[in-house]
Amino acid sequence: MKEFSYTITNEYDLAAKPAFDLIKLAGEHDCRTYVVKNDHATDIKKLFILLSIGTKCGDTIKFVTDGVDEKSAIDKIGKYVSCNM
């Protein structure tokens, strides 16, 4: 299991475009991927649930991967989040 925590700096919070891109990235890897906010884990591949976790600028969320490609997945997700959120 690999983890990456990130504090959202984008004033537009977790919008549909970044959420879709994260889902696409997660789908490219053979592992389960979750977003955790306030100790509540959500499968990253469920777009509406991902958007409904209510993130806003200043919130810290954690990405968790677990499976065969967990290292590659968390590295790519971390890079995407750092550059786009």
PDB file of N, CA and C in Angstrom:
ATOM      1  N   MET A   1       0.844  -1.169   0.000  1.00  0.00           N
ATOM      2  CA  MET A   1       0.000   0.000   0.000  1.00  0.00           C
ATOM      3  C   MET A   1       0.895   1.240   0.000  1.00  0.00           C
ATOM      4  N   LYS A   2       0.560   2.183  -0.889  1.00  0.00           N
ATOM      5  CA  LYS A   2       1.286   3.450  -0.994  1.00  0.00           C
ATOM      6  C   LYS A   2       0.317   4.593  -0.758  1.00  0.00           C
ATOM      7  N   GLU A   3       0.817   5.694  -0.196  1.00  0.00           N
ATOM      8  CA  GLU A   3      -0.016   6.848   0.115  1.00  0.00           C
ATOM      9  C   GLU A   3       0.657   8.141  -0.320  1.00  0.00           C
ATOM     10  N   PHE A   4      -0.174   9.135  -0.632  1.00  0.00           N
ATOM     11  CA  PHE A   4       0.295  10.462  -0.994  1.00  0.00           C
ATOM     12  C   PHE A   4      -0.731  11.463  -0.463  1.00  0.00           C
ATOM     13  N   SER A   5      -0.311  12.388   0.373  1.00  0.00           N
ATOM     14  CA  SER A   5      -1.214  13.415   0.901  1.00  0.00           C
ATOM     15  C   SER A   5      -0.976  14.720   0.167  1.00  0.00           C
ATOM     16  N   TYR A   6      -2.060  15.455  -0.041  1.00  0.00           N
ATOM     17  CA  TYR A   6      -1.966  16.709  -0.769  1.00  0.00           C
ATOM     18  C   TYR A   6      -2.976  17.710  -0.216  1.00  0.00           C
ATOM     19  N   THR A   7      -2.531  18.944  -0.022  1.00  0.00           N
ATOM     20  CA  THR A   7      -3.421  20.023   0.383  1.00  0.00           C
ATOM     21  C   THR A   7      -3.811  20.802  -0.860  1.00  0.00           C
ATOM     22  N   ILE A   8      -5.098  20.895  -1.106  1.00  0.00           N
ATOM     23  CA  ILE A   8      -5.599  21.533  -2.320  1.00  0.00           C
ATOM     24  C   ILE A   8      -5.318  23.032  -2.277  1.00  0.00           C
ATOM     25  N   THR A   9      -4.681  23.512  -3.342  1.00  0.00           N
ATOM     26  CA  THR A   9      -4.349  24.924  -3.450  1.00  0.00           C
ATOM     27  C   THR A   9      -5.148  25.604  -4.543  1.00  0.00           C
ATOM     28  N   ASN A  10      -5.882  24.829  -5.337  1.00  0.00           N
ATOM     29  CA  ASN A  10      -6.683  25.354  -6.425  1.00  0.00           C
ATOM     30  C   ASN A  10      -7.958  25.954  -5.861  1.00  0.00           C
ATOM     31  N   GLU A  11      -8.249  27.214  -6.179  1.00  0.00           N
ATOM     32  CA  GLU A  11      -9.435  27.875  -5.651  1.00  0.00           C
ATOM     33  C   GLU A  11     -10.738  27.245  -6.147  1.00  0.00           C
ATOM     34  N   TYR A  12     -10.667  26.451  -7.198  1.00  0.00           N
ATOM     35  CA  TYR A  12     -11.872  25.831  -7.760  1.00  0.00           C
ATOM     36  C   TYR A  12     -12.141  24.441  -7.200  1.00  0.00           C
ATOM     37  N   ASP A  13     -11.443  24.033  -6.185  1.00  0.00           N
ATOM     38  CA  ASP A  13     -11.564  22.735  -5.516  1.00  0.00           C
ATOM     39  C   ASP A  13     -11.389  21.573  -6.494  1.00  0.00           C
ATOM     40  N   LEU A  14     -11.995  20.453  -6.207  1.00  0.00           N
ATOM     41  CA  LEU A  14     -11.872  19.269  -7.058  1.00  0.00           C
ATOM     42  C   LEU A  14     -12.983  19.323  -8.091  1.00  0.00           C
ATOM     43  N   ALA A  15     -12.689  19.884  -9.252  1.00  0.00           N
ATOM     44  CA  ALA A  15     -13.667  20.044 -10.318  1.00  0.00           C
ATOM     45  C   ALA A  15     -13.745  18.780 -11.170  1.00  0.00           C
ATOM     46  N   ALA A  16     -14.694  18.761 -12.099  1.00  0.00           N
ATOM     47  CA  ALA A  16     -14.937  17.577 -12.928  1.00  0.00           C
ATOM     48  C   ALA A  16     -13.727  17.188 -13.775  1.00  0.00           C
ATOM     49  N   LYS A  17     -13.042  18.147 -14.374  1.00  0.00           N
ATOM     50  CA  LYS A  17     -11.903  17.817 -15.251  1.00  0.00           C
ATOM     51  C   LYS A  17     -10.778  17.130 -14.486  1.00  0.00           C
ATOM     52  N   PRO A  18     -10.290  17.697 -13.375  1.00  0.00           N
ATOM     53  CA  PRO A  18      -9.254  16.986 -12.638  1.00  0.00           C
ATOM     54  C   PRO A  18      -9.743  15.639 -12.094  1.00  0.00           C
ATOM     55  N   ALA A  19     -10.998  15.573 -11.667  1.00  0.00           N
ATOM     56  CA  ALA A  19     -11.534  14.308 -11.154  1.00  0.00           C
ATOM     57  C   ALA A  19     -11.537  13.254 -12.254  1.00  0.00           C
ATOM     58  N   PHE A  20     -11.976  13.630 -13.460  1.00  0.00           N
ATOM     59  CA  PHE A  20     -11.973  12.691 -14.583  1.00  0.00           C
ATOM     60  C   PHE A  20     -10.562  12.247 -14.916  1.00  0.00           C
ATOM     61  N   ASP A  21      -9.614  13.181 -14.921  1.00  0.00           N
ATOM     62  CA  ASP A  21      -8.218  12.831 -15.213  1.00  0.00           C
ATOM     63  C   ASP A  21      -7.659  11.858 -14.172  1.00  0.00           C
ATOM     64  N   LEU A  22      -7.995  12.064 -12.895  1.00  0.00           N
ATOM     65  CA  LEU A  22      -7.533  11.156 -11.842  1.00  0.00           C
ATOM     66  C   LEU A  22      -8.132   9.766 -12.012  1.00  0.00           C
ATOM     67  N   ILE A  23      -9.402   9.707 -12.384  1.00  0.00           N
ATOM     68  CA  ILE A  23     -10.053   8.416 -12.624  1.00  0.00           C
ATOM     69  C   ILE A  23      -9.371   7.693 -13.781  1.00  0.00           C
ATOM     70  N   LYS A  24      -9.068   8.436 -14.831  1.00  0.00           N
ATOM     71  CA  LYS A  24      -8.386   7.861 -15.992  1.00  0.00           C
ATOM     72  C   LYS A  24      -7.004   7.326 -15.599  1.00  0.00           C
ATOM     73  N   LEU A  25      -6.246   8.101 -14.836  1.00  0.00           N
ATOM     74  CA  LEU A  25      -4.928   7.651 -14.372  1.00  0.00           C
ATOM     75  C   LEU A  25      -5.038   6.385 -13.533  1.00  0.00           C
ATOM     76  N   ALA A  26      -6.002   6.362 -12.628  1.00  0.00           N
ATOM     77  CA  ALA A  26      -6.185   5.190 -11.767  1.00  0.00           C
ATOM     78  C   ALA A  26      -6.542   3.964 -12.589  1.00  0.00           C
ATOM     79  N   GLY A  27      -7.343   4.150 -13.628  1.00  0.00           N
ATOM     80  CA  GLY A  27      -7.761   3.028 -14.474  1.00  0.00           C
ATOM     81  C   GLY A  27      -6.648   2.424 -15.303  1.00  0.00           C
ATOM     82  N   GLU A  28      -5.556   3.132 -15.445  1.00  0.00           N
ATOM     83  CA  GLU A  28      -4.420   2.637 -16.232  1.00  0.00           C
ATOM     84  C   GLU A  28      -3.538   1.673 -15.447  1.00  0.00           C
ATOM     85  N   HIS A  29      -3.848   1.456 -14.168  1.00  0.00           N
ATOM     86  CA  HIS A  29      -2.995   0.635 -13.311  1.00  0.00           C
ATOM     87  C   HIS A  29      -3.782  -0.510 -12.685  1.00  0.00           C
ATOM     88  N   ASP A  30      -3.065  -1.591 -12.435  1.00  0.00           N
ATOM     89  CA  ASP A  30      -3.666  -2.777 -11.836  1.00  0.00           C
ATOM     90  C   ASP A  30      -3.568  -2.687 -10.316  1.00  0.00           C
ATOM     91  N   CYS A  31      -4.415  -1.816  -9.756  1.00  0.00           N
ATOM     92  CA  CYS A  31      -4.464  -1.660  -8.304  1.00  0.00           C
ATOM     93  C   CYS A  31      -5.738  -0.911  -7.936  1.00  0.00           C
ATOM     94  N   ARG A  32      -6.098  -1.004  -6.681  1.00  0.00           N
ATOM     95  CA  ARG A  32      -7.225  -0.226  -6.178  1.00  0.00           C
ATOM     96  C   ARG A  32      -6.695   1.141  -5.758  1.00  0.00           C
ATOM     97  N   THR A  33      -7.487   2.174  -6.015  1.00  0.00           N
ATOM     98  CA  THR A  33      -7.082   3.534  -5.689  1.00  0.00           C
ATOM     99  C   THR A  33      -8.216   4.230  -4.943  1.00  0.00           C
ATOM    100  N   TYR A  34      -7.871   4.866  -3.843  1.00  0.00           N
ATOM    101  CA  TYR A  34      -8.858   5.540  -3.004  1.00  0.00           C
ATOM    102  C   TYR A  34      -8.430   6.975  -2.737  1.00  0.00           C
ATOM    103  N   VAL A  35      -9.439   7.822  -2.481  1.00  0.00           N
ATOM    104  CA  VAL A  35      -9.206   9.165  -1.987  1.00  0.00           C
ATOM    105  C   VAL A  35      -9.761   9.175  -0.571  1.00  0.00           C
ATOM    106  N   VAL A  36      -8.980   9.691   0.380  1.00  0.00           N
ATOM    107  CA  VAL A  36      -9.410   9.721   1.779  1.00  0.00           C
ATOM    108  C   VAL A  36      -9.480  11.172   2.243  1.00  0.00           C
ATOM    109  N   LYS A  37     -10.637  11.523   2.812  1.00  0.00           N
ATOM    110  CA  LYS A  37     -10.819  12.850   3.403  1.00  0.00           C
ATOM    111  C   LYS A  37     -11.539  12.648   4.727  1.00  0.00           C
ATOM    112  N   ASN A  38     -10.964  13.191   5.778  1.00  0.00           N
ATOM    113  CA  ASN A  38     -11.558  13.060   7.115  1.00  0.00           C
ATOM    114  C   ASN A  38     -11.853  11.601   7.476  1.00  0.00           C
ATOM    115  N   ASP A  39     -10.900  10.735   7.220  1.00  0.00           N
ATOM    116  CA  ASP A  39     -11.001   9.307   7.532  1.00  0.00           C
ATOM    117  C   ASP A  39     -12.101   8.586   6.761  1.00  0.00           C
ATOM    118  N   HIS A  40     -12.619   9.172   5.689  1.00  0.00           N
ATOM    119  CA  HIS A  40     -13.619   8.526   4.852  1.00  0.00           C
ATOM    120  C   HIS A  40     -12.985   8.218   3.499  1.00  0.00           C
ATOM    121  N   ALA A  41     -12.877   6.930   3.166  1.00  0.00           N
ATOM    122  CA  ALA A  41     -12.251   6.501   1.912  1.00  0.00           C
ATOM    123  C   ALA A  41     -13.306   6.337   0.820  1.00  0.00           C
ATOM    124  N   THR A  42     -12.976   6.818  -0.379  1.00  0.00           N
ATOM    125  CA  THR A  42     -13.849   6.729  -1.540  1.00  0.00           C
ATOM    126  C   THR A  42     -13.059   6.150  -2.699  1.00  0.00           C
ATOM    127  N   ASP A  43     -13.639   5.180  -3.381  1.00  0.00           N
ATOM    128  CA  ASP A  43     -13.007   4.609  -4.571  1.00  0.00           C
ATOM    129  C   ASP A  43     -12.872   5.714  -5.608  1.00  0.00           C
ATOM    130  N   ILE A  44     -11.670   5.937  -6.087  1.00  0.00           N
ATOM    131  CA  ILE A  44     -11.407   7.044  -7.014  1.00  0.00           C
ATOM    132  C   ILE A  44     -12.117   6.847  -8.353  1.00  0.00           C
ATOM    133  N   LYS A  45     -12.489   5.626  -8.686  1.00  0.00           N
ATOM    134  CA  LYS A  45     -13.104   5.356  -9.982  1.00  0.00           C
ATOM    135  C   LYS A  45     -14.590   5.691 -10.024  1.00  0.00           C
ATOM    136  N   LYS A  46     -15.153   6.134  -8.931  1.00  0.00           N
ATOM    137  CA  LYS A  46     -16.574   6.492  -8.883  1.00  0.00           C
ATOM    138  C   LYS A  46     -16.693   8.013  -8.917  1.00  0.00           C
ATOM    139  N   LEU A  47     -16.870   8.555 -10.114  1.00  0.00           N
ATOM    140  CA  LEU A  47     -16.803   9.990 -10.353  1.00  0.00           C
ATOM    141  C   LEU A  47     -17.742  10.800  -9.458  1.00  0.00           C
ATOM    142  N   PHE A  48     -18.993  10.430  -9.382  1.00  0.00           N
ATOM    143  CA  PHE A  48     -19.942  11.239  -8.610  1.00  0.00           C
ATOM    144  C   PHE A  48     -19.624  11.218  -7.127  1.00  0.00           C
ATOM    145  N   ILE A  49     -19.191  10.082  -6.628  1.00  0.00           N
ATOM    146  CA  ILE A  49     -18.811  10.009  -5.216  1.00  0.00           C
ATOM    147  C   ILE A  49     -17.557  10.842  -4.989  1.00  0.00           C
ATOM    148  N   LEU A  50     -16.612  10.745  -5.911  1.00  0.00           N
ATOM    149  CA  LEU A  50     -15.376  11.520  -5.795  1.00  0.00           C
ATOM    150  C   LEU A  50     -15.676  13.016  -5.747  1.00  0.00           C
ATOM    151  N   LEU A  51     -16.583  13.474  -6.604  1.00  0.00           N
ATOM    152  CA  LEU A  51     -16.931  14.899  -6.620  1.00  0.00           C
ATOM    153  C   LEU A  51     -17.743  15.306  -5.395  1.00  0.00           C
ATOM    154  N   SER A  52     -18.443  14.357  -4.784  1.00  0.00           N
ATOM    155  CA  SER A  52     -19.324  14.694  -3.670  1.00  0.00           C
ATOM    156  C   SER A  52     -18.620  14.726  -2.312  1.00  0.00           C
ATOM    157  N   ILE A  53     -17.322  14.435  -2.258  1.00  0.00           N
ATOM    158  CA  ILE A  53     -16.651  14.443  -0.954  1.00  0.00           C
ATOM    159  C   ILE A  53     -16.445  15.860  -0.428  1.00  0.00           C
ATOM    160  N   GLY A  54     -16.745  16.847  -1.264  1.00  0.00           N
ATOM    161  CA  GLY A  54     -16.767  18.233  -0.801  1.00  0.00           C
ATOM    162  C   GLY A  54     -15.409  18.813  -0.468  1.00  0.00           C
ATOM    163  N   THR A  55     -14.445  18.648  -1.344  1.00  0.00           N
ATOM    164  CA  THR A  55     -13.140  19.246  -1.098  1.00  0.00           C
ATOM    165  C   THR A  55     -13.159  20.719  -1.492  1.00  0.00           C
ATOM    166  N   LYS A  56     -12.354  21.485  -0.796  1.00  0.00           N
ATOM    167  CA  LYS A  56     -12.212  22.901  -1.138  1.00  0.00           C
ATOM    168  C   LYS A  56     -10.766  23.312  -0.892  1.00  0.00           C
ATOM    169  N   CYS A  57     -10.434  24.486  -1.346  1.00  0.00           N
ATOM    170  CA  CYS A  57      -9.086  25.006  -1.185  1.00  0.00           C
ATOM    171  C   CYS A  57      -8.698  24.967   0.292  1.00  0.00           C
ATOM    172  N   GLY A  58      -7.549  24.394   0.582  1.00  0.00           N
ATOM    173  CA  GLY A  58      -7.059  24.275   1.948  1.00  0.00           C
ATOM    174  C   GLY A  58      -7.276  22.904   2.568  1.00  0.00           C
ATOM    175  N   ASP A  59      -8.169  22.097   1.986  1.00  0.00           N
ATOM    176  CA  ASP A  59      -8.399  20.739   2.497  1.00  0.00           C
ATOM    177  C   ASP A  59      -7.234  19.821   2.140  1.00  0.00           C
ATOM    178  N   THR A  60      -6.919  18.917   3.035  1.00  0.00           N
ATOM    179  CA  THR A  60      -5.903  17.900   2.758  1.00  0.00           C
ATOM    180  C   THR A  60      -6.612  16.591   2.486  1.00  0.00           C
ATOM    181  N   ILE A  61      -6.272  15.989   1.343  1.00  0.00           N
ATOM    182  CA  ILE A  61      -6.805  14.687   0.980  1.00  0.00           C
ATOM    183  C   ILE A  61      -5.645  13.730   0.797  1.00  0.00           C
ATOM    184  N   LYS A  62      -5.930  12.464   0.944  1.00  0.00           N
ATOM    185  CA  LYS A  62      -4.893  11.445   0.806  1.00  0.00           C
ATOM    186  C   LYS A  62      -5.295  10.497  -0.310  1.00  0.00           C
ATOM    187  N   PHE A  63      -4.351  10.155  -1.161  1.00  0.00           N
ATOM    188  CA  PHE A  63      -4.552   9.158  -2.199  1.00  0.00           C
ATOM    189  C   PHE A  63      -3.863   7.883  -1.735  1.00  0.00           C
ATOM    190  N   VAL A  64      -4.556   6.756  -1.858  1.00  0.00           N
ATOM    191  CA  VAL A  64      -4.037   5.469  -1.410  1.00  0.00           C
ATOM    192  C   VAL A  64      -4.161   4.478  -2.559  1.00  0.00           C
ATOM    193  N   THR A  65      -3.081   3.772  -2.848  1.00  0.00           N
ATOM    194  CA  THR A  65      -3.119   2.721  -3.861  1.00  0.00           C
ATOM    195  C   THR A  65      -2.728   1.403  -3.207  1.00  0.00           C
ATOM    196  N   ASP A  66      -3.316   0.327  -3.709  1.00  0.00           N
ATOM    197  CA  ASP A  66      -3.053  -0.996  -3.154  1.00  0.00           C
ATOM    198  C   ASP A  66      -3.200  -2.037  -4.253  1.00  0.00           C
ATOM    199  N   GLY A  67      -2.095  -2.678  -4.606  1.00  0.00           N
ATOM    200  CA  GLY A  67      -2.148  -3.698  -5.645  1.00  0.00           C
ATOM    201  C   GLY A  67      -0.832  -3.793  -6.393  1.00  0.00           C
ATOM    202  N   VAL A  68      -0.877  -4.509  -7.486  1.00  0.00           N
ATOM    203  CA  VAL A  68       0.322  -4.819  -8.272  1.00  0.00           C
ATOM    204  C   VAL A  68       1.064  -3.565  -8.723  1.00  0.00           C
ATOM    205  N   ASP A  69       0.347  -2.594  -9.281  1.00  0.00           N
ATOM    206  CA  ASP A  69       0.971  -1.376  -9.824  1.00  0.00           C
ATOM    207  C   ASP A  69       0.885  -0.182  -8.873  1.00  0.00           C
ATOM    208  N   GLU A  70       0.795  -0.439  -7.579  1.00  0.00           N
ATOM    209  CA  GLU A  70       0.564   0.650  -6.617  1.00  0.00           C
ATOM    210  C   GLU A  70       1.625   1.736  -6.666  1.00  0.00           C
ATOM    211  N   LYS A  71       2.873   1.375  -6.830  1.00  0.00           N
ATOM    212  CA  LYS A  71       3.966   2.363  -6.843  1.00  0.00           C
ATOM    213  C   LYS A  71       3.860   3.276  -8.059  1.00  0.00           C
ATOM    214  N   SER A  72       3.682   2.679  -9.229  1.00  0.00           N
ATOM    215  CA  SER A  72       3.552   3.467 -10.451  1.00  0.00           C
ATOM    216  C   SER A  72       2.318   4.359 -10.395  1.00  0.00           C
ATOM    217  N   ALA A  73       1.217   3.825  -9.901  1.00  0.00           N
ATOM    218  CA  ALA A  73      -0.029   4.594  -9.822  1.00  0.00           C
ATOM    219  C   ALA A  73       0.120   5.795  -8.892  1.00  0.00           C
ATOM    220  N   ILE A  74       0.670   5.593  -7.707  1.00  0.00           N
ATOM    221  CA  ILE A  74       0.782   6.702  -6.749  1.00  0.00           C
ATOM    222  C   ILE A  74       1.766   7.752  -7.253  1.00  0.00           C
ATOM    223  N   ASP A  75       2.813   7.319  -7.953  1.00  0.00           N
ATOM    224  CA  ASP A  75       3.769   8.279  -8.519  1.00  0.00           C
ATOM    225  C   ASP A  75       3.102   9.165  -9.575  1.00  0.00           C
ATOM    226  N   LYS A  76       2.327   8.558 -10.470  1.00  0.00           N
ATOM    227  CA  LYS A  76       1.663   9.324 -11.529  1.00  0.00           C
ATOM    228  C   LYS A  76       0.559  10.215 -10.967  1.00  0.00           C
ATOM    229  N   ILE A  77      -0.198   9.703 -10.014  1.00  0.00           N
ATOM    230  CA  ILE A  77      -1.251  10.505  -9.390  1.00  0.00           C
ATOM    231  C   ILE A  77      -0.633  11.681  -8.635  1.00  0.00           C
ATOM    232  N   GLY A  78       0.434  11.427  -7.895  1.00  0.00           N
ATOM    233  CA  GLY A  78       1.115  12.492  -7.162  1.00  0.00           C
ATOM    234  C   GLY A  78       1.632  13.576  -8.083  1.00  0.00           C
ATOM    235  N   LYS A  79       2.212  13.173  -9.190  1.00  0.00           N
ATOM    236  CA  LYS A  79       2.722  14.149 -10.168  1.00  0.00           C
ATOM    237  C   LYS A  79       1.580  14.968 -10.766  1.00  0.00           C
ATOM    238  N   TYR A  80       0.491  14.285 -11.134  1.00  0.00           N
ATOM    239  CA  TYR A  80      -0.652  14.998 -11.717  1.00  0.00           C
ATOM    240  C   TYR A  80      -1.244  16.001 -10.716  1.00  0.00           C
ATOM    241  N   VAL A  81      -1.475  15.534  -9.506  1.00  0.00           N
ATOM    242  CA  VAL A  81      -2.093  16.389  -8.483  1.00  0.00           C
ATOM    243  C   VAL A  81      -1.210  17.603  -8.182  1.00  0.00           C
ATOM    244  N   SER A  82       0.083  17.387  -8.060  1.00  0.00           N
ATOM    245  CA  SER A  82       0.993  18.482  -7.750  1.00  0.00           C
ATOM    246  C   SER A  82       1.021  19.547  -8.843  1.00  0.00           C
ATOM    247  N   CYS A  83       0.843  19.130 -10.081  1.00  0.00           N
ATOM    248  CA  CYS A  83       0.899  20.076 -11.197  1.00  0.00           C
ATOM    249  C   CYS A  83      -0.460  20.688 -11.558  1.00  0.00           C
ATOM    250  N   ASN A  84      -1.559  20.038 -11.195  1.00  0.00           N
ATOM    251  CA  ASN A  84      -2.875  20.458 -11.689  1.00  0.00           C
ATOM    252  C   ASN A  84      -3.895  20.824 -10.627  1.00  0.00           C
ATOM    253  N   MET A  85      -3.565  20.704  -9.373  1.00  0.00           N
ATOM    254  CA  MET A  85      -4.533  21.022  -8.343  1.00  0.00           C
ATOM    255  C   MET A  85      -3.926  22.008  -7.364  1.00  0.00           C
TER     256      MET A  85
END
